[in-house]
Amino acid sequence: MSDRMTVKTVQPRWLVPNRNMQCDAKNGEYFLHFETQWENRLLALEVSDIIEALRAFDARPVPQPKGEEKLMIRIAVAENSPEEMARMTDYLERYRQEHELVFQVSCFADGADLMEYYQPVYDVIFLDIEMPNMDGMATARRIRNVDAEVILVFVTHMAQYALKGYEVRAMDFLVKPLEYEAFAFRMDLLLQRVSGQNERELLLSNRNETRKISVDRLIYVEANKHKMCFHTESGVFETNCTMKWVEEQLEGADFFRCDHGLLVNLRYVTWVGQNELLAGGNRLKVSRPKRKQFMQALADYLGGTL
């Protein structure tokens, strides 16, 4: 992976998920450096041409190196001032270099741009309070409807706006004009929080939304006709996938397939009968052929015998 900070796009009203590129502006032209598993490309295009190129270019995520690697921190910045946007991205790059981190930064000229193709994949989002089409508070409320975990930071000229951040559980605020020392201090705190909540997650999508689900808070997965139902502490999420795919995603986690279409998280099991169990207050079936293996798996998880 490149040791440079990756900027996904700065083109307003256009977000391309999972496309890695470098973006530089010079003399009114935008230079996009595409990184794919086959080759590197450099394009110098007008803005309208960039949009068409992105639509036509079949980019793939850069393969991650195997073995020990640095955690990538995914950051979004929504800011309508080009000067403040440049300052923020410069500070992020300086901080990244000083701490030898890996950042992927997505830049948006307005809250509406951020929300148009929003997916809950970010660790930190910096939101300008005052933006023309959708301000920072309105954007934050919409984010919280689909993403409860992302860290929100407001950026504003007026500190009094920061008090409203409690409504959307914003972690912090920065006052413009940004000073690097204050920014770096806040980043230290933010990344402590990111490291603390860096738990294993599934990224699931259906026709209506994309959602991150914590593996630790996933109680059980149930096959229901052609859909898979992910039962969590906060509700149920349905999507189209196979049980085989789910098992592959949960490999190494403490889940056991106690019936043909049922995968249960052992940490939630509180009682086991002859052909059923309780997990997170839900009564679930344990098939007879699976019961002995299930009891052994539960004993291994609990560190004893049953």
Protein backbone atom coordinates (compact mmCIF):
# COMPACT_ATOMS: atom_id res chain seq x y z
CA MET A 1 0.00 0.00 0.00
CA SER A 2 1.22 3.49 -0.78
CA ASP A 3 2.56 5.47 2.17
CA ARG A 4 0.66 8.53 0.93
CA MET A 5 -2.71 9.57 2.22
CA THR A 6 -5.40 8.30 -0.13
CA VAL A 7 -8.06 10.85 -1.14
CA LYS A 8 -11.04 9.14 -2.70
CA THR A 9 -12.67 12.10 -4.46
CA VAL A 10 -13.16 15.86 -4.16
CA GLN A 11 -15.71 16.17 -6.95
CA PRO A 12 -19.02 17.56 -5.54
CA ARG A 13 -22.07 15.29 -5.78
CA TRP A 14 -20.04 12.26 -6.79
CA LEU A 15 -18.79 9.57 -4.44
CA VAL A 16 -17.21 6.39 -5.69
CA PRO A 17 -17.05 3.81 -2.88
CA ASN A 18 -14.04 1.50 -2.70
CA ARG A 19 -12.06 3.25 -5.43
CA ASN A 20 -8.55 4.20 -4.37
CA MET A 21 -7.00 7.21 -6.02
CA GLN A 22 -4.77 10.18 -5.46
CA CYS A 23 -6.32 13.53 -6.32
CA ASP A 24 -4.38 16.74 -6.95
CA ALA A 25 -5.48 20.06 -8.43
CA LYS A 26 -3.16 22.25 -10.49
CA ASN A 27 -3.96 25.21 -12.75
CA GLY A 28 -7.65 24.34 -12.84
CA GLU A 29 -7.08 20.70 -13.79
CA TYR A 30 -7.77 17.68 -11.60
CA PHE A 31 -5.19 14.90 -11.62
CA LEU A 32 -6.58 11.53 -10.54
CA HIS A 33 -4.12 8.71 -9.89
CA PHE A 34 -6.04 5.43 -10.01
CA GLU A 35 -4.59 2.43 -8.18
CA THR A 36 -5.94 -0.95 -9.29
CA GLN A 37 -4.79 -4.50 -8.97
CA TRP A 38 -3.61 -4.39 -12.59
CA GLU A 39 -1.97 -1.02 -13.12
CA ASN A 40 -1.64 2.64 -12.11
CA ARG A 41 -3.26 5.32 -14.27
CA LEU A 42 -2.89 9.07 -14.35
CA LEU A 43 -5.62 11.22 -15.89
CA ALA A 44 -5.62 15.00 -16.33
CA LEU A 45 -9.21 15.93 -17.09
CA GLU A 46 -11.84 18.60 -16.74
CA VAL A 47 -14.42 18.07 -14.00
CA SER A 48 -17.15 16.88 -16.37
CA ASP A 49 -14.75 14.42 -17.94
CA ILE A 50 -13.75 13.09 -14.54
CA ILE A 51 -17.34 12.12 -13.77
CA GLU A 52 -17.64 10.19 -17.02
CA ALA A 53 -14.25 8.57 -16.49
CA LEU A 54 -15.22 7.42 -13.01
CA ARG A 55 -18.44 5.93 -14.29
CA ALA A 56 -16.67 4.06 -17.07
CA PHE A 57 -13.51 3.03 -15.25
CA ASP A 58 -13.88 -0.33 -13.53
CA ALA A 59 -11.62 0.24 -10.55
CA ARG A 60 -11.02 -2.40 -7.94
CA PRO A 61 -9.94 -2.01 -4.31
CA VAL A 62 -6.19 -2.25 -3.83
CA PRO A 63 -5.35 -5.72 -2.43
CA GLN A 64 -4.20 -5.53 1.19
CA PRO A 65 -0.85 -7.13 2.04
CA LYS A 66 -1.11 -10.28 4.08
CA GLY A 67 0.41 -10.60 7.50
CA GLU A 68 0.81 -7.76 9.98
CA GLU A 69 -0.39 -4.44 8.61
CA LYS A 70 -1.41 -1.02 9.82
CA LEU A 71 -5.03 -0.26 10.51
CA MET A 72 -6.54 2.01 7.86
CA ILE A 73 -8.46 4.93 9.35
CA ARG A 74 -11.34 6.01 7.09
CA ILE A 75 -12.13 9.71 7.37
CA ALA A 76 -14.76 11.91 5.68
CA VAL A 77 -14.60 15.70 5.52
CA ALA A 78 -17.66 17.79 4.56
CA GLU A 79 -16.59 21.41 4.05
CA ASN A 80 -17.84 23.99 1.53
CA SER A 81 -14.83 26.33 1.81
CA PRO A 82 -11.99 25.27 -0.53
CA GLU A 83 -9.47 27.03 1.71
CA GLU A 84 -10.64 25.24 4.85
CA MET A 85 -10.83 21.95 2.97
CA ALA A 86 -7.23 22.36 1.82
CA ARG A 87 -6.16 23.22 5.37
CA MET A 88 -7.93 20.16 6.79
CA THR A 89 -6.46 17.72 4.26
CA ASP A 90 -2.99 19.25 4.72
CA TYR A 91 -3.26 18.79 8.49
CA LEU A 92 -4.46 15.21 8.08
CA GLU A 93 -1.53 14.41 5.83
CA ARG A 94 0.94 16.06 8.20
CA TYR A 95 -0.49 14.15 11.17
CA ARG A 96 -0.47 10.89 9.21
CA GLN A 97 3.19 11.31 8.32
CA GLU A 98 4.21 12.26 11.86
CA HIS A 99 2.49 9.18 13.31
CA GLU A 100 3.15 6.76 10.40
CA LEU A 101 -0.54 5.97 9.95
CA VAL A 102 -2.68 4.92 6.99
CA PHE A 103 -5.58 7.27 6.18
CA GLN A 104 -8.26 7.07 3.52
CA VAL A 105 -9.93 10.46 3.22
CA SER A 106 -13.15 11.26 1.33
CA CYS A 107 -13.90 14.95 0.72
CA PHE A 108 -17.33 16.50 0.14
CA ALA A 109 -18.33 20.08 -0.65
CA ASP A 110 -21.65 19.82 1.22
CA GLY A 111 -23.61 17.62 3.60
CA ALA A 112 -25.92 16.66 0.74
CA ASP A 113 -22.93 15.32 -1.21
CA LEU A 114 -21.88 13.19 1.74
CA MET A 115 -25.37 11.74 2.20
CA GLU A 116 -26.13 11.08 -1.47
CA TYR A 117 -24.19 7.81 -1.51
CA TYR A 118 -23.57 7.42 2.21
CA GLN A 119 -22.43 4.07 3.53
CA PRO A 120 -21.47 3.45 7.18
CA VAL A 121 -17.82 2.76 6.47
CA TYR A 122 -16.14 5.76 8.11
CA ASP A 123 -14.34 5.89 11.44
CA VAL A 124 -14.39 9.70 11.75
CA ILE A 125 -16.42 12.42 9.99
CA PHE A 126 -15.51 16.13 10.17
CA LEU A 127 -18.59 18.28 9.50
CA ASP A 128 -18.66 21.99 8.76
CA ILE A 129 -21.65 23.42 10.62
CA GLU A 130 -22.50 26.06 8.01
CA MET A 131 -23.02 24.53 4.55
CA PRO A 132 -25.52 25.82 1.96
CA ASN A 133 -27.58 22.79 0.90
CA MET A 134 -27.48 20.63 4.03
CA ASP A 135 -25.80 22.04 7.13
CA GLY A 136 -23.70 20.04 9.55
CA MET A 137 -26.46 19.44 12.11
CA ALA A 138 -28.96 18.20 9.52
CA THR A 139 -26.28 15.97 8.03
CA ALA A 140 -25.36 14.59 11.45
CA ARG A 141 -28.98 13.72 12.22
CA ARG A 142 -29.28 11.78 8.96
CA ILE A 143 -26.00 10.00 9.62
CA ARG A 144 -27.18 8.92 13.06
CA ASN A 145 -30.28 7.35 11.50
CA VAL A 146 -28.06 4.78 9.76
CA ASP A 147 -24.73 4.88 11.61
CA ALA A 148 -24.63 4.90 15.40
CA GLU A 149 -20.91 4.24 15.77
CA VAL A 150 -19.07 6.74 13.57
CA ILE A 151 -17.24 9.53 15.42
CA LEU A 152 -18.61 12.97 14.52
CA VAL A 153 -16.58 16.18 14.88
CA PHE A 154 -18.06 19.60 14.11
CA VAL A 155 -15.93 22.34 12.55
CA THR A 156 -17.26 25.88 12.96
CA HIS A 157 -16.43 29.59 13.23
CA MET A 158 -18.76 29.93 16.23
CA ALA A 159 -18.17 27.82 19.32
CA GLN A 160 -21.79 28.17 20.52
CA TYR A 161 -22.89 25.81 17.76
CA ALA A 162 -20.88 23.06 19.41
CA LEU A 163 -23.47 22.77 22.20
CA LYS A 164 -25.93 21.35 19.69
CA GLY A 165 -23.52 18.51 19.05
CA TYR A 166 -24.84 16.67 22.07
CA GLU A 167 -28.09 16.06 20.18
CA VAL A 168 -26.27 13.81 17.71
CA ARG A 169 -23.57 12.49 20.09
CA ALA A 170 -20.76 14.45 18.45
CA MET A 171 -17.47 13.67 20.17
CA ASP A 172 -15.76 17.01 19.67
CA PHE A 173 -15.66 20.31 17.78
CA LEU A 174 -12.93 22.40 16.17
CA VAL A 175 -13.05 26.19 15.86
CA LYS A 176 -11.95 27.83 12.61
CA PRO A 177 -9.42 28.91 11.60
CA LEU A 178 -7.80 25.61 12.51
CA GLU A 179 -4.44 25.63 14.24
CA TYR A 180 -2.35 22.51 13.75
CA GLU A 181 -1.40 22.04 17.41
CA ALA A 182 -5.06 22.02 18.53
CA PHE A 183 -5.98 19.79 15.58
CA ALA A 184 -3.24 17.26 16.41
CA PHE A 185 -4.28 17.16 20.08
CA ARG A 186 -7.89 16.41 19.05
CA MET A 187 -6.69 13.73 16.61
CA ASP A 188 -4.81 12.01 19.43
CA LEU A 189 -8.06 11.74 21.39
CA LEU A 190 -10.11 10.70 18.37
CA LEU A 191 -7.76 7.89 17.40
CA GLN A 192 -7.75 6.56 20.96
CA ARG A 193 -11.51 6.24 20.57
CA VAL A 194 -11.17 4.62 17.12
CA SER A 195 -8.70 2.07 18.50
CA GLY A 196 -11.00 1.36 21.43
CA GLN A 197 -14.02 0.63 19.24
CA ASN A 198 -12.10 -1.27 16.57
CA GLU A 199 -14.14 -4.44 16.81
CA ARG A 200 -14.94 -6.97 14.13
CA GLU A 201 -17.86 -5.91 11.94
CA LEU A 202 -19.94 -7.11 9.03
CA LEU A 203 -20.93 -4.66 6.29
CA LEU A 204 -24.37 -5.73 5.04
CA SER A 205 -26.61 -4.25 2.34
CA ASN A 206 -30.14 -4.67 1.08
CA ARG A 207 -32.29 -2.58 -1.28
CA ASN A 208 -32.92 0.08 1.31
CA GLU A 209 -29.67 0.59 3.19
CA THR A 210 -26.16 -0.49 4.08
CA ARG A 211 -25.38 -1.16 7.71
CA LYS A 212 -22.40 -2.12 9.86
CA ILE A 213 -23.13 -4.89 12.36
CA SER A 214 -20.81 -5.68 15.24
CA VAL A 215 -19.99 -9.37 15.39
CA ASP A 216 -19.89 -9.17 19.19
CA ARG A 217 -23.47 -7.83 19.26
CA LEU A 218 -24.82 -10.33 16.74
CA ILE A 219 -26.98 -12.84 18.65
CA TYR A 220 -27.83 -15.26 15.85
CA VAL A 221 -28.28 -15.56 12.10
CA GLU A 222 -31.31 -17.32 10.66
CA ALA A 223 -32.09 -18.44 7.13
CA ASN A 224 -35.61 -17.43 6.11
CA LYS A 225 -36.49 -18.61 2.61
CA HIS A 226 -34.11 -16.70 0.30
CA LYS A 227 -33.01 -14.18 2.92
CA MET A 228 -30.67 -14.19 5.89
CA CYS A 229 -31.89 -12.50 9.08
CA PHE A 230 -29.21 -11.02 11.32
CA HIS A 231 -30.60 -10.72 14.86
CA THR A 232 -28.70 -8.16 16.93
CA GLU A 233 -29.14 -6.41 20.26
CA SER A 234 -30.75 -3.48 18.46
CA GLY A 235 -33.00 -5.31 15.99
CA VAL A 236 -33.09 -7.48 12.87
CA PHE A 237 -31.45 -6.80 9.52
CA GLU A 238 -32.43 -8.83 6.44
CA THR A 239 -30.33 -9.27 3.33
CA ASN A 240 -29.79 -11.69 0.47
CA CYS A 241 -26.77 -13.95 1.01
CA THR A 242 -26.00 -17.58 1.77
CA MET A 243 -25.31 -19.35 5.05
CA LYS A 244 -21.98 -20.45 3.59
CA TRP A 245 -20.99 -16.81 3.04
CA VAL A 246 -22.02 -15.89 6.59
CA GLU A 247 -19.96 -18.74 8.04
CA GLU A 248 -16.94 -17.60 6.03
CA GLN A 249 -17.32 -14.03 7.36
CA LEU A 250 -17.63 -15.30 10.93
CA GLU A 251 -14.76 -17.76 10.74
CA GLY A 252 -12.77 -17.67 13.97
CA ALA A 253 -15.61 -16.04 15.93
CA ASP A 254 -17.56 -17.94 18.61
CA PHE A 255 -20.51 -19.01 16.47
CA PHE A 256 -21.94 -22.50 16.02
CA ARG A 257 -24.40 -23.82 13.46
CA CYS A 258 -26.91 -25.51 15.77
CA ASP A 259 -29.42 -26.27 13.01
CA HIS A 260 -29.43 -26.30 9.22
CA GLY A 261 -30.46 -22.66 8.92
CA LEU A 262 -29.34 -21.30 12.29
CA LEU A 263 -26.01 -19.88 13.43
CA VAL A 264 -25.80 -18.79 17.07
CA ASN A 265 -23.31 -16.65 19.01
CA LEU A 266 -22.15 -18.78 21.96
CA ARG A 267 -21.62 -15.75 24.19
CA TYR A 268 -25.40 -15.21 24.28
CA VAL A 269 -26.37 -18.80 25.16
CA THR A 270 -27.80 -18.95 28.70
CA TRP A 271 -29.68 -22.28 28.70
CA VAL A 272 -29.72 -25.52 26.71
CA GLY A 273 -32.48 -28.14 26.69
CA GLN A 274 -32.89 -31.38 24.79
CA ASN A 275 -33.66 -29.77 21.44
CA GLU A 276 -33.59 -26.03 22.06
CA LEU A 277 -31.58 -23.25 23.65
CA LEU A 278 -31.93 -19.67 24.84
CA ALA A 279 -29.73 -17.02 23.28
CA GLY A 280 -30.32 -13.37 24.12
CA GLY A 281 -33.80 -14.31 25.36
CA ASN A 282 -34.67 -16.05 22.06
CA ARG A 283 -35.71 -19.71 22.06
CA LEU A 284 -33.90 -21.46 19.20
CA LYS A 285 -33.81 -25.00 17.87
CA VAL A 286 -30.87 -27.37 18.33
CA SER A 287 -31.09 -30.30 15.93
CA ARG A 288 -30.49 -33.76 17.39
CA PRO A 289 -27.50 -34.57 15.13
CA LYS A 290 -25.88 -31.24 16.08
CA ARG A 291 -26.51 -31.33 19.85
CA LYS A 292 -23.40 -33.24 20.94
CA GLN A 293 -21.09 -31.05 18.85
CA PHE A 294 -22.90 -27.96 20.06
CA MET A 295 -22.47 -28.93 23.71
CA GLN A 296 -18.77 -29.54 23.14
CA ALA A 297 -18.38 -26.17 21.37
CA LEU A 298 -20.20 -24.44 24.24
CA ALA A 299 -18.00 -26.22 26.81
CA ASP A 300 -14.87 -25.17 24.93
CA TYR A 301 -16.12 -21.57 24.83
CA LEU A 302 -16.88 -21.57 28.57
CA GLY A 303 -13.56 -23.23 29.34
CA GLY A 304 -14.95 -26.32 31.07
CA THR A 305 -17.20 -29.33 30.63
CA LEU A 306 -20.98 -29.60 30.38
